[in-house]
Amino acid sequence: MKTLQAYINGQWVDPKAEKYYDIFDPSTGEVIAKAPCCPKEVVEAAVEAAAAAFPAWRDTPPAKRTQALFALRALIDRDWDKLTHAVAQENGKVWHEAAGDVAKVKEAVEFACGIPTLMMGDSLLNTSTGFDTVLYRESVGVFAGIAPFNFPAMIPMGWMTPLCIACGNTIVIKASSMTPMTCSLFMDLLKEAGIPDGVVNMVTCSRNEAEILLSHPSVKGVSFVGSTSVGLHVYSTAAAHGKRVQALCEAKNHALVLEDTPLPRTARAIINASFGCAGERCMALPVVVAQESIADELASLLVEYAKELKIGRAYDKESQLGPVVTAGHKEFVTGWIDKAEAEGAKLLLDGRGCKVEGSENGFYVGPTIFDHVTADMTCGDEEIFGPVLCIKRVKNFEEGIALMNHNRFANGSVIFTQNGYYAREFARRTDGGMVGVNVGIPVPVGVFPFTGHKNSFFGDLHTLGKDGVRFYTETKAVTTRWYNEDDLKQTKIGTWE
């Protein structure tokens, strides 16, 4: 049984915690490690280490900072299978999904390696007669990253860390207590890559200790991913303490399927988007809004294709659908299935009671599909975060987009159609921040930001892309004037003086 530690100032530290969290292998239900609930003084020590490391790291030229990131990229390639297995084992993603989680870290690292040009400011010669102005982007200070369980690699080590440290900042990562093992592996890789001690620190703790990160005077910004209720608290509290915040929260992404779409191909895309990662991703596709004329046929295809999914242990490379993260989350998801039935949705495929031979104690929920989900049913509007797909029916495009925009979340939205007019109208009028046209999971590559809207995001600047660079830097405008000999003889004050 492995017992994890805190990573502070380049060293693994025994936090002498009074409480430890069980880390499960969701595929078998076995406890494979324990993570400490770091006490308040340990979290504070992590912040202090980051604050102490900041001045020297800030003053390191950007081109030199990126050399460590280039080295990190090579180490990710070297340890690819090890990192992939860690994600699969502690989270339950099947092998290719776990590899995708790691790939998104590499993608973010590659983007951050361009920071010498991304941090470039602007300039204007002769802003006024004799005056020149230059705008610089500078490092900010210590950031806190509060990560969820569902992407143990991508979120803490892709969304939060590379751009932050490339911009010359330091960071304290609060890893999820459910899935911290992958993040721990990355701490060792950062050390090996040459990231100086104190630049990246990691703790696991409860919400009580994490509150320190929202109010500590040395923390200048907070990046959070998690539930909307907690995200709103993080945003409100940290902002009230003068910190910049990006809080990425829940979603209930919808796909509008029009009658002109090729149904078999569309149904395959929906299956992948709905049940990939066991539905435990904020860009999952848990709701299909089907035009009535093709709804029956689409529903039939979805059931047929969902039944073909091979359910199995996450690290078995043939598996196509793995378990959810914990027994508690399995109970949460199956509770929603019970509720959807009680609300009157028509159950087409039931994933409750799913068992995998040889892993009977694993946290498995099979693909579940409901039809005839109506506006008064909460199952079609609230985040379930599991392999549950709801089908809503509409008469036409106008009814469909109105229904979708009524939802309080707006992370992503999708349309399946071959009609260019409707595709354009959808992209223009949808509330969703990330839009797919015949793309089931419209997550852009890391050179673009992850742009959730409405109750899916609180803040001004999103993660990754140019938004991410702006979030991790602050601007300074410097105006200069140089005098010649005649200027020095003049005593008259000019307009700008």
Protein backbone atom coordinates (compact mmCIF):
# COMPACT_ATOMS: atom_id res chain seq x y z
CA MET A 1 0.00 0.00 0.00
CA LYS A 2 1.57 3.25 -1.16
CA THR A 3 1.14 6.34 1.00
CA LEU A 4 1.51 9.59 -0.91
CA GLN A 5 3.16 12.73 0.41
CA ALA A 6 3.10 16.46 -0.28
CA TYR A 7 5.56 17.89 -2.80
CA ILE A 8 6.98 21.16 -1.47
CA ASN A 9 10.06 23.08 -2.59
CA GLY A 10 11.28 20.21 -4.76
CA GLN A 11 11.03 17.59 -2.01
CA TRP A 12 8.56 14.91 -0.97
CA VAL A 13 7.39 15.83 2.52
CA ASP A 14 5.57 13.72 5.08
CA PRO A 15 2.68 16.04 6.04
CA LYS A 16 2.00 14.11 9.28
CA ALA A 17 -1.68 14.17 8.42
CA GLU A 18 -4.31 12.96 10.84
CA LYS A 19 -6.55 11.80 7.99
CA TYR A 20 -5.83 9.91 4.77
CA TYR A 21 -8.02 9.34 1.71
CA ASP A 22 -8.38 5.94 0.09
CA ILE A 23 -7.38 5.86 -3.57
CA PHE A 24 -9.21 3.11 -5.45
CA ASP A 25 -8.61 1.09 -8.54
CA PRO A 26 -12.13 1.56 -9.95
CA SER A 27 -11.73 -1.49 -12.16
CA THR A 28 -11.46 -3.83 -9.18
CA GLY A 29 -12.76 -1.80 -6.25
CA GLU A 30 -9.49 -2.30 -4.37
CA VAL A 31 -7.69 0.39 -2.39
CA ILE A 32 -4.29 0.86 -4.03
CA ALA A 33 -2.90 3.89 -2.16
CA LYS A 34 -3.65 6.56 0.39
CA ALA A 35 -3.41 10.34 0.03
CA PRO A 36 -2.93 12.70 2.97
CA CYS A 37 -5.33 15.39 3.99
CA CYS A 38 -2.57 17.94 4.43
CA PRO A 39 -3.05 20.17 7.48
CA LYS A 40 -3.26 23.92 7.22
CA GLU A 41 0.42 24.52 8.00
CA VAL A 42 1.52 22.22 5.16
CA VAL A 43 -0.66 24.03 2.62
CA GLU A 44 0.75 27.32 3.86
CA ALA A 45 4.27 25.93 3.54
CA ALA A 46 3.57 25.06 -0.09
CA VAL A 47 2.42 28.64 -0.76
CA GLU A 48 5.48 30.04 1.01
CA ALA A 49 7.78 27.83 -1.05
CA ALA A 50 6.12 29.04 -4.25
CA ALA A 51 6.42 32.68 -3.10
CA ALA A 52 10.11 32.23 -2.26
CA ALA A 53 10.83 30.66 -5.67
CA PHE A 54 8.98 33.33 -7.64
CA PRO A 55 11.56 36.17 -7.86
CA ALA A 56 14.34 34.05 -9.35
CA TRP A 57 12.00 32.20 -11.70
CA ARG A 58 10.39 35.46 -12.85
CA ASP A 59 13.83 36.87 -13.64
CA THR A 60 14.80 33.78 -15.65
CA PRO A 61 14.56 34.69 -19.36
CA PRO A 62 11.49 33.15 -21.04
CA ALA A 63 13.65 31.31 -23.58
CA LYS A 64 15.52 29.64 -20.74
CA ARG A 65 12.31 28.76 -18.86
CA THR A 66 11.05 26.95 -21.93
CA GLN A 67 14.15 24.74 -22.06
CA ALA A 68 12.80 22.90 -19.03
CA LEU A 69 9.45 22.52 -20.78
CA PHE A 70 11.13 21.08 -23.87
CA ALA A 71 12.81 18.59 -21.56
CA LEU A 72 9.47 17.81 -19.90
CA ARG A 73 7.95 17.06 -23.30
CA ALA A 74 10.67 14.49 -23.98
CA LEU A 75 10.14 12.89 -20.57
CA ILE A 76 6.41 12.57 -21.22
CA ASP A 77 7.21 10.66 -24.39
CA ARG A 78 9.66 8.47 -22.51
CA ASP A 79 7.18 7.60 -19.73
CA TRP A 80 4.07 7.52 -21.93
CA ASP A 81 2.88 4.03 -20.99
CA LYS A 82 3.65 4.55 -17.30
CA LEU A 83 1.61 7.76 -17.18
CA THR A 84 -1.20 6.22 -19.22
CA HIS A 85 -1.42 3.24 -16.87
CA ALA A 86 -1.52 5.55 -13.85
CA VAL A 87 -4.48 7.47 -15.29
CA ALA A 88 -6.31 4.26 -16.21
CA GLN A 89 -5.68 2.63 -12.87
CA GLU A 90 -6.73 5.45 -10.55
CA ASN A 91 -9.46 7.05 -12.67
CA GLY A 92 -10.99 4.20 -14.68
CA LYS A 93 -10.53 5.62 -18.18
CA VAL A 94 -9.90 2.88 -20.71
CA TRP A 95 -6.41 2.75 -22.21
CA HIS A 96 -6.90 4.95 -25.28
CA GLU A 97 -8.80 7.53 -23.21
CA ALA A 98 -6.06 7.57 -20.58
CA ALA A 99 -3.48 8.03 -23.33
CA GLY A 100 -5.56 10.95 -24.60
CA ASP A 101 -5.46 12.48 -21.12
CA VAL A 102 -1.65 12.36 -21.21
CA ALA A 103 -1.60 13.63 -24.81
CA LYS A 104 -3.44 16.79 -23.76
CA VAL A 105 -0.63 17.52 -21.27
CA LYS A 106 1.93 17.21 -24.04
CA GLU A 107 -0.19 19.49 -26.26
CA ALA A 108 -0.31 22.18 -23.56
CA VAL A 109 3.43 21.88 -22.89
CA GLU A 110 4.15 22.33 -26.60
CA PHE A 111 1.98 25.45 -26.67
CA ALA A 112 3.71 26.85 -23.58
CA CYS A 113 7.10 26.33 -25.23
CA GLY A 114 6.14 29.24 -27.49
CA ILE A 115 5.97 31.66 -24.58
CA PRO A 116 8.86 33.88 -25.79
CA THR A 117 6.57 35.02 -28.62
CA LEU A 118 3.27 34.59 -26.75
CA MET A 119 4.41 36.99 -24.01
CA MET A 120 5.45 39.67 -26.49
CA GLY A 121 3.74 42.98 -25.89
CA ASP A 122 3.00 45.92 -28.21
CA SER A 123 4.78 49.16 -28.99
CA LEU A 124 4.17 52.45 -30.75
CA LEU A 125 6.93 54.79 -31.84
CA ASN A 126 6.14 58.51 -31.56
CA THR A 127 2.95 57.99 -29.58
CA SER A 128 3.06 61.75 -29.29
CA THR A 129 5.88 63.94 -30.56
CA GLY A 130 9.04 62.60 -28.97
CA PHE A 131 7.26 60.00 -26.87
CA ASP A 132 7.36 56.21 -27.36
CA THR A 133 5.21 53.63 -25.57
CA VAL A 134 5.94 49.94 -25.03
CA LEU A 135 3.55 47.45 -23.43
CA TYR A 136 5.14 44.50 -21.66
CA ARG A 137 3.61 41.27 -20.36
CA GLU A 138 5.06 40.37 -16.98
CA SER A 139 4.81 37.50 -14.51
CA VAL A 140 2.20 37.83 -11.76
CA GLY A 141 3.28 35.67 -8.81
CA VAL A 142 1.92 32.58 -7.07
CA PHE A 143 -1.09 30.78 -8.49
CA ALA A 144 -3.21 28.01 -7.04
CA GLY A 145 -4.65 25.20 -9.16
CA ILE A 146 -7.58 23.25 -7.70
CA ALA A 147 -8.05 20.13 -9.82
CA PRO A 148 -10.91 17.57 -10.08
CA PHE A 149 -10.74 13.78 -10.33
CA ASN A 150 -11.82 13.27 -13.92
CA PHE A 151 -8.65 14.27 -15.80
CA PRO A 152 -5.74 13.43 -13.47
CA ALA A 153 -3.14 14.47 -16.04
CA MET A 154 -4.68 17.01 -18.40
CA ILE A 155 -6.18 19.45 -15.92
CA PRO A 156 -3.48 19.95 -13.27
CA MET A 157 -0.52 19.31 -15.57
CA GLY A 158 -1.95 20.61 -18.86
CA TRP A 159 -4.49 23.32 -18.21
CA MET A 160 -2.95 24.74 -15.03
CA THR A 161 0.82 24.24 -14.90
CA PRO A 162 2.62 24.72 -18.26
CA LEU A 163 1.42 28.21 -19.19
CA CYS A 164 1.61 29.34 -15.57
CA ILE A 165 5.26 28.49 -15.14
CA ALA A 166 6.23 29.38 -18.71
CA CYS A 167 5.00 32.90 -17.97
CA GLY A 168 7.37 33.04 -15.00
CA ASN A 169 4.90 32.30 -12.22
CA THR A 170 4.94 29.62 -9.56
CA ILE A 171 2.07 27.35 -8.57
CA VAL A 172 0.56 25.21 -5.83
CA ILE A 173 -1.53 22.35 -7.18
CA LYS A 174 -4.27 20.94 -4.99
CA ALA A 175 -4.63 17.57 -6.67
CA SER A 176 -7.86 15.62 -6.37
CA SER A 177 -7.75 13.33 -3.34
CA MET A 178 -9.44 10.65 -5.49
CA THR A 179 -6.85 10.65 -8.30
CA PRO A 180 -3.55 12.23 -7.18
CA MET A 181 -1.12 9.50 -8.25
CA THR A 182 -0.69 10.71 -11.83
CA CYS A 183 0.01 14.24 -10.66
CA SER A 184 2.61 12.86 -8.25
CA LEU A 185 4.43 11.18 -11.14
CA PHE A 186 4.54 14.51 -12.96
CA MET A 187 6.20 16.19 -9.96
CA ASP A 188 9.16 13.84 -10.39
CA LEU A 189 9.25 14.57 -14.13
CA LEU A 190 9.28 18.32 -13.50
CA LYS A 191 12.22 17.88 -11.16
CA GLU A 192 14.05 15.76 -13.73
CA ALA A 193 13.28 18.31 -16.46
CA GLY A 194 15.08 21.01 -14.51
CA ILE A 195 12.20 23.04 -13.08
CA PRO A 196 13.70 24.77 -10.01
CA ASP A 197 12.57 23.80 -6.53
CA GLY A 198 9.46 25.62 -5.34
CA VAL A 199 8.19 26.55 -8.80
CA VAL A 200 5.62 23.73 -8.74
CA ASN A 201 4.24 22.31 -5.49
CA MET A 202 1.50 19.76 -4.83
CA VAL A 203 -0.78 18.99 -1.90
CA THR A 204 -3.92 16.97 -1.27
CA CYS A 205 -6.39 18.22 1.31
CA SER A 206 -10.04 18.87 2.06
CA ARG A 207 -12.05 21.94 1.14
CA ASN A 208 -11.32 23.38 4.57
CA GLU A 209 -7.57 23.53 3.99
CA ALA A 210 -8.05 24.57 0.37
CA GLU A 211 -9.76 27.73 1.62
CA ILE A 212 -6.27 28.98 2.45
CA LEU A 213 -5.51 29.15 -1.27
CA LEU A 214 -8.46 31.49 -1.81
CA SER A 215 -7.40 34.05 0.79
CA HIS A 216 -3.64 33.76 1.27
CA PRO A 217 -2.07 37.15 0.44
CA SER A 218 0.77 35.54 -1.54
CA VAL A 219 -1.63 33.81 -3.94
CA LYS A 220 -2.41 36.13 -6.86
CA GLY A 221 -4.73 33.91 -8.89
CA VAL A 222 -6.76 30.71 -8.74
CA SER A 223 -7.61 28.23 -11.48
CA PHE A 224 -10.43 25.85 -10.53
CA VAL A 225 -12.24 22.98 -12.23
CA GLY A 226 -15.20 21.30 -10.53
CA SER A 227 -18.86 21.67 -9.66
CA THR A 228 -20.77 24.89 -10.25
CA SER A 229 -21.68 25.36 -6.58
CA VAL A 230 -18.05 25.08 -5.46
CA GLY A 231 -16.83 27.05 -8.48
CA LEU A 232 -19.10 29.95 -7.61
CA HIS A 233 -17.77 29.89 -4.05
CA VAL A 234 -14.16 29.81 -5.28
CA TYR A 235 -14.82 32.67 -7.69
CA SER A 236 -16.65 34.82 -5.13
CA THR A 237 -14.19 34.21 -2.29
CA ALA A 238 -10.96 34.54 -4.22
CA ALA A 239 -12.18 37.61 -6.14
CA ALA A 240 -13.22 39.22 -2.87
CA HIS A 241 -9.60 38.82 -1.77
CA GLY A 242 -8.39 40.62 -4.90
CA LYS A 243 -7.33 37.55 -6.88
CA ARG A 244 -7.89 36.77 -10.55
CA VAL A 245 -9.99 33.63 -11.01
CA GLN A 246 -10.96 31.19 -13.72
CA ALA A 247 -13.55 28.67 -12.52
CA LEU A 248 -14.55 25.97 -15.01
CA CYS A 249 -17.69 24.24 -13.83
CA GLU A 250 -20.51 21.84 -14.71
CA ALA A 251 -22.10 21.22 -18.09
CA LYS A 252 -25.08 19.61 -19.75
CA ASN A 253 -24.05 19.66 -23.38
CA HIS A 254 -26.75 19.06 -26.00
CA ALA A 255 -26.57 17.91 -29.61
CA LEU A 256 -29.24 18.93 -32.11
CA VAL A 257 -29.74 16.17 -34.71
CA LEU A 258 -31.61 17.27 -37.83
CA GLU A 259 -33.34 14.98 -40.28
CA ASP A 260 -30.84 15.51 -43.11
CA THR A 261 -27.88 14.06 -41.21
CA PRO A 262 -26.43 10.61 -42.08
CA LEU A 263 -27.83 8.72 -39.09
CA PRO A 264 -25.45 5.75 -38.73
CA ARG A 265 -22.37 7.97 -38.78
CA THR A 266 -24.03 10.49 -36.46
CA ALA A 267 -25.09 7.78 -34.01
CA ARG A 268 -21.51 6.48 -33.84
CA ALA A 269 -20.24 9.97 -33.05
CA ILE A 270 -22.85 10.38 -30.33
CA ILE A 271 -21.94 7.05 -28.72
CA ASN A 272 -18.29 8.10 -28.52
CA ALA A 273 -19.15 11.53 -27.15
CA SER A 274 -21.74 10.30 -24.66
CA PHE A 275 -20.05 7.24 -23.18
CA GLY A 276 -16.36 8.02 -23.60
CA CYS A 277 -14.58 8.35 -20.24
CA ALA A 278 -17.73 6.79 -18.75
CA GLY A 279 -19.39 10.18 -19.21
CA GLU A 280 -17.11 11.73 -16.58
CA ARG A 281 -16.05 14.80 -18.53
CA CYS A 282 -17.46 18.28 -18.77
CA MET A 283 -17.48 18.01 -22.56
CA ALA A 284 -19.45 14.76 -22.61
CA LEU A 285 -22.61 14.68 -24.70
CA PRO A 286 -25.38 13.57 -22.32
CA VAL A 287 -28.37 14.97 -24.26
CA VAL A 288 -29.48 14.46 -27.86
CA VAL A 289 -32.17 16.76 -29.21
CA ALA A 290 -33.61 14.79 -32.12
CA GLN A 291 -35.92 16.05 -34.84
CA GLU A 292 -39.12 14.02 -34.50
CA SER A 293 -39.02 12.70 -38.06
CA ILE A 294 -35.86 10.69 -37.38
CA ALA A 295 -35.99 10.29 -33.59
CA ASP A 296 -37.20 6.67 -33.55
CA GLU A 297 -34.53 5.52 -36.00
CA LEU A 298 -31.80 7.43 -34.18
CA ALA A 299 -32.84 6.00 -30.81
CA SER A 300 -32.78 2.48 -32.24
CA LEU A 301 -29.27 2.96 -33.63
CA LEU A 302 -27.99 4.42 -30.37
CA VAL A 303 -29.23 1.42 -28.40
CA GLU A 304 -27.75 -0.97 -30.97
CA TYR A 305 -24.33 0.69 -30.95
CA ALA A 306 -24.23 1.16 -27.17
CA LYS A 307 -24.79 -2.57 -26.67
CA GLU A 308 -21.68 -3.24 -28.77
CA LEU A 309 -19.37 -1.45 -26.32
CA LYS A 310 -16.96 -3.81 -24.59
CA ILE A 311 -17.09 -3.04 -20.87
CA GLY A 312 -13.98 -4.00 -18.93
CA ARG A 313 -11.07 -3.03 -16.76
CA ALA A 314 -9.55 0.30 -17.71
CA TYR A 315 -6.05 -1.00 -18.36
CA ASP A 316 -7.22 -3.90 -20.54
CA LYS A 317 -6.50 -2.44 -23.95
CA GLU A 318 -9.55 -4.08 -25.55
CA SER A 319 -11.96 -2.32 -23.17
CA GLN A 320 -14.14 0.43 -24.66
CA LEU A 321 -16.03 1.50 -21.52
CA GLY A 322 -14.47 1.48 -18.07
CA PRO A 323 -15.80 2.04 -14.55
CA VAL A 324 -16.72 5.29 -12.85
CA VAL A 325 -14.26 6.62 -10.31
CA THR A 326 -15.61 5.44 -6.93
CA ALA A 327 -18.39 3.42 -5.34
CA GLY A 328 -19.91 6.66 -4.12
CA HIS A 329 -20.01 8.09 -7.62
CA LYS A 330 -21.51 4.87 -8.95
CA GLU A 331 -24.29 5.26 -6.40
CA PHE A 332 -24.74 8.89 -7.46
CA VAL A 333 -25.09 7.96 -11.15
CA THR A 334 -27.45 5.03 -10.55
CA GLY A 335 -29.49 7.31 -8.29
CA TRP A 336 -29.99 9.62 -11.28
CA ILE A 337 -31.10 6.66 -13.38
CA ASP A 338 -33.67 5.83 -10.69
CA LYS A 339 -34.81 9.45 -10.66
CA ALA A 340 -35.14 9.64 -14.43
CA GLU A 341 -37.40 6.58 -14.34
CA ALA A 342 -39.46 8.15 -11.58
CA GLU A 343 -39.76 11.37 -13.60
CA GLY A 344 -41.31 9.40 -16.47
CA ALA A 345 -38.47 9.12 -18.98
CA LYS A 346 -38.63 6.00 -21.15
CA LEU A 347 -35.74 3.66 -20.35
CA LEU A 348 -34.36 2.12 -23.55
CA LEU A 349 -31.12 0.68 -22.16
CA ASP A 350 -30.34 0.07 -18.47
CA GLY A 351 -26.74 0.11 -17.24
CA ARG A 352 -27.50 -0.67 -13.62
CA GLY A 353 -26.28 -3.99 -12.33
CA CYS A 354 -23.40 -4.10 -14.80
CA LYS A 355 -20.73 -6.66 -13.83
CA VAL A 356 -17.36 -7.52 -15.36
CA GLU A 357 -16.20 -11.09 -14.99
CA GLY A 358 -13.21 -11.28 -12.69
CA SER A 359 -13.78 -7.71 -11.47
CA GLU A 360 -17.16 -8.04 -9.82
CA ASN A 361 -16.31 -5.41 -7.20
CA GLY A 362 -15.43 -2.76 -9.77
CA PHE A 363 -17.48 0.45 -10.04
CA TYR A 364 -19.16 -0.29 -13.36
CA VAL A 365 -22.23 1.40 -14.83
CA GLY A 366 -23.21 0.24 -18.29
CA PRO A 367 -24.40 2.59 -21.05
CA THR A 368 -27.87 3.89 -20.21
CA ILE A 369 -30.27 5.57 -22.64
CA PHE A 370 -33.54 7.40 -21.91
CA ASP A 371 -36.01 8.60 -24.53
CA HIS A 372 -38.89 11.09 -24.41
CA VAL A 373 -37.12 13.27 -21.84
CA THR A 374 -39.19 16.42 -21.41
CA ALA A 375 -38.57 19.91 -20.09
CA ASP A 376 -39.99 19.13 -16.65
CA MET A 377 -37.48 16.30 -16.01
CA THR A 378 -34.33 17.27 -14.14
CA CYS A 379 -32.42 14.32 -15.60
CA GLY A 380 -32.23 16.19 -18.91
CA ASP A 381 -30.97 19.45 -17.43
CA GLU A 382 -28.64 18.61 -14.52
CA GLU A 383 -25.17 17.10 -14.78
CA ILE A 384 -25.13 13.36 -14.07
CA PHE A 385 -21.45 12.83 -14.93
CA GLY A 386 -21.86 9.22 -15.93
CA PRO A 387 -22.67 7.04 -18.96
CA VAL A 388 -26.29 8.21 -19.22
CA LEU A 389 -27.76 9.62 -22.45
CA CYS A 390 -31.09 11.45 -22.62
CA ILE A 391 -33.05 11.92 -25.85
CA LYS A 392 -35.32 14.94 -26.22
CA ARG A 393 -37.59 15.40 -29.24
CA VAL A 394 -38.37 18.59 -31.16
CA LYS A 395 -40.25 19.45 -34.32
CA ASN A 396 -37.63 21.59 -36.04
CA PHE A 397 -34.43 23.64 -35.80
CA GLU A 398 -36.05 26.65 -34.10
CA GLU A 399 -37.63 24.56 -31.37
CA GLY A 400 -34.36 22.68 -30.89
CA ILE A 401 -32.08 25.66 -30.41
CA ALA A 402 -34.58 27.35 -28.10
CA LEU A 403 -34.69 24.22 -25.94
CA MET A 404 -30.91 23.99 -25.81
CA ASN A 405 -30.40 27.64 -24.93
CA HIS A 406 -32.88 27.32 -22.08
CA ASN A 407 -30.38 25.23 -20.11
CA ARG A 408 -28.39 27.07 -17.43
CA PHE A 409 -25.11 25.50 -18.56
CA ALA A 410 -23.35 26.40 -21.80
CA ASN A 411 -20.04 24.61 -22.00
CA GLY A 412 -20.48 23.04 -25.41
CA SER A 413 -23.18 22.48 -27.99
CA VAL A 414 -23.33 20.46 -31.18
CA ILE A 415 -25.39 20.24 -34.35
CA PHE A 416 -25.47 17.31 -36.77
CA THR A 417 -26.68 18.43 -40.19
CA GLN A 418 -25.67 18.71 -43.84
CA ASN A 419 -27.49 22.05 -44.17
CA GLY A 420 -25.03 24.94 -44.28
CA TYR A 421 -27.63 27.54 -43.36
CA TYR A 422 -28.69 25.74 -40.19
CA ALA A 423 -25.07 25.04 -39.27
CA ARG A 424 -24.23 28.74 -39.55
CA GLU A 425 -27.33 29.83 -37.66
CA PHE A 426 -26.57 27.34 -34.92
CA ALA A 427 -22.98 28.53 -34.50
CA ARG A 428 -24.19 32.13 -34.38
CA ARG A 429 -27.13 31.67 -32.02
CA THR A 430 -26.17 28.90 -29.61
CA ASP A 431 -25.23 29.84 -26.04
CA GLY A 432 -22.56 27.15 -25.97
CA GLY A 433 -19.01 28.40 -25.69
CA MET A 434 -17.53 25.53 -27.70
CA VAL A 435 -19.53 24.59 -30.77
CA GLY A 436 -19.40 21.47 -32.91
CA VAL A 437 -20.76 21.11 -36.42
CA ASN A 438 -20.84 17.36 -37.01
CA VAL A 439 -18.26 17.11 -34.22
CA GLY A 440 -19.46 15.30 -31.10
CA ILE A 441 -16.84 16.66 -28.71
CA PRO A 442 -16.00 20.21 -29.82
CA VAL A 443 -12.96 20.72 -27.61
CA PRO A 444 -10.47 22.90 -29.49
CA VAL A 445 -6.75 22.19 -29.46
CA GLY A 446 -4.77 24.02 -26.80
CA VAL A 447 -3.82 26.97 -28.97
CA PHE A 448 -7.45 28.03 -28.49
CA PRO A 449 -9.08 28.61 -25.08
CA PHE A 450 -11.59 26.29 -23.42
CA THR A 451 -14.53 28.68 -23.56
CA GLY A 452 -17.48 27.66 -21.41
CA HIS A 453 -20.33 30.14 -20.87
CA LYS A 454 -23.18 30.81 -18.42
CA ASN A 455 -23.03 28.63 -15.28
CA SER A 456 -20.27 26.54 -16.83
CA PHE A 457 -17.68 29.27 -16.19
CA PHE A 458 -16.98 32.11 -13.79
CA GLY A 459 -14.26 34.60 -14.61
CA ASP A 460 -13.02 36.73 -17.49
CA LEU A 461 -10.14 34.80 -19.04
CA HIS A 462 -10.48 31.14 -19.96
CA THR A 463 -7.85 28.41 -19.73
CA LEU A 464 -5.33 27.79 -22.54
CA GLY A 465 -4.92 29.76 -25.77
CA LYS A 466 -4.29 33.50 -25.69
CA ASP A 467 -6.76 33.80 -22.81
CA GLY A 468 -4.47 31.59 -20.74
CA VAL A 469 -1.44 33.74 -21.52
CA ARG A 470 -3.36 36.83 -20.44
CA PHE A 471 -4.56 35.12 -17.26
CA TYR A 472 -1.02 34.29 -16.20
CA THR A 473 0.48 37.69 -17.06
CA GLU A 474 -0.17 41.33 -16.29
CA THR A 475 0.53 44.26 -18.56
CA LYS A 476 2.79 47.21 -17.97
CA ALA A 477 2.84 50.24 -20.29
CA VAL A 478 6.13 52.19 -20.32
CA THR A 479 6.27 55.61 -21.97
CA THR A 480 9.67 57.24 -22.59
CA ARG A 481 11.02 60.52 -23.91
CA TRP A 482 14.62 61.44 -24.66
CA TYR A 483 15.87 65.01 -24.92
CA ASN A 484 18.29 66.55 -27.38
CA GLU A 485 20.38 69.61 -26.56
CA ASP A 486 17.74 72.07 -27.76
CA ASP A 487 15.09 70.34 -25.67
CA LEU A 488 17.22 70.68 -22.58
CA LYS A 489 17.42 74.46 -23.06
CA GLN A 490 13.64 74.86 -23.22
CA THR A 491 11.70 75.63 -20.07
CA LYS A 492 8.21 75.55 -21.58
CA ILE A 493 6.15 72.53 -20.48
CA GLY A 494 4.66 70.49 -23.35
CA THR A 495 1.18 68.99 -23.49
CA TRP A 496 2.32 65.59 -22.16
CA GLU A 497 4.44 67.11 -19.40
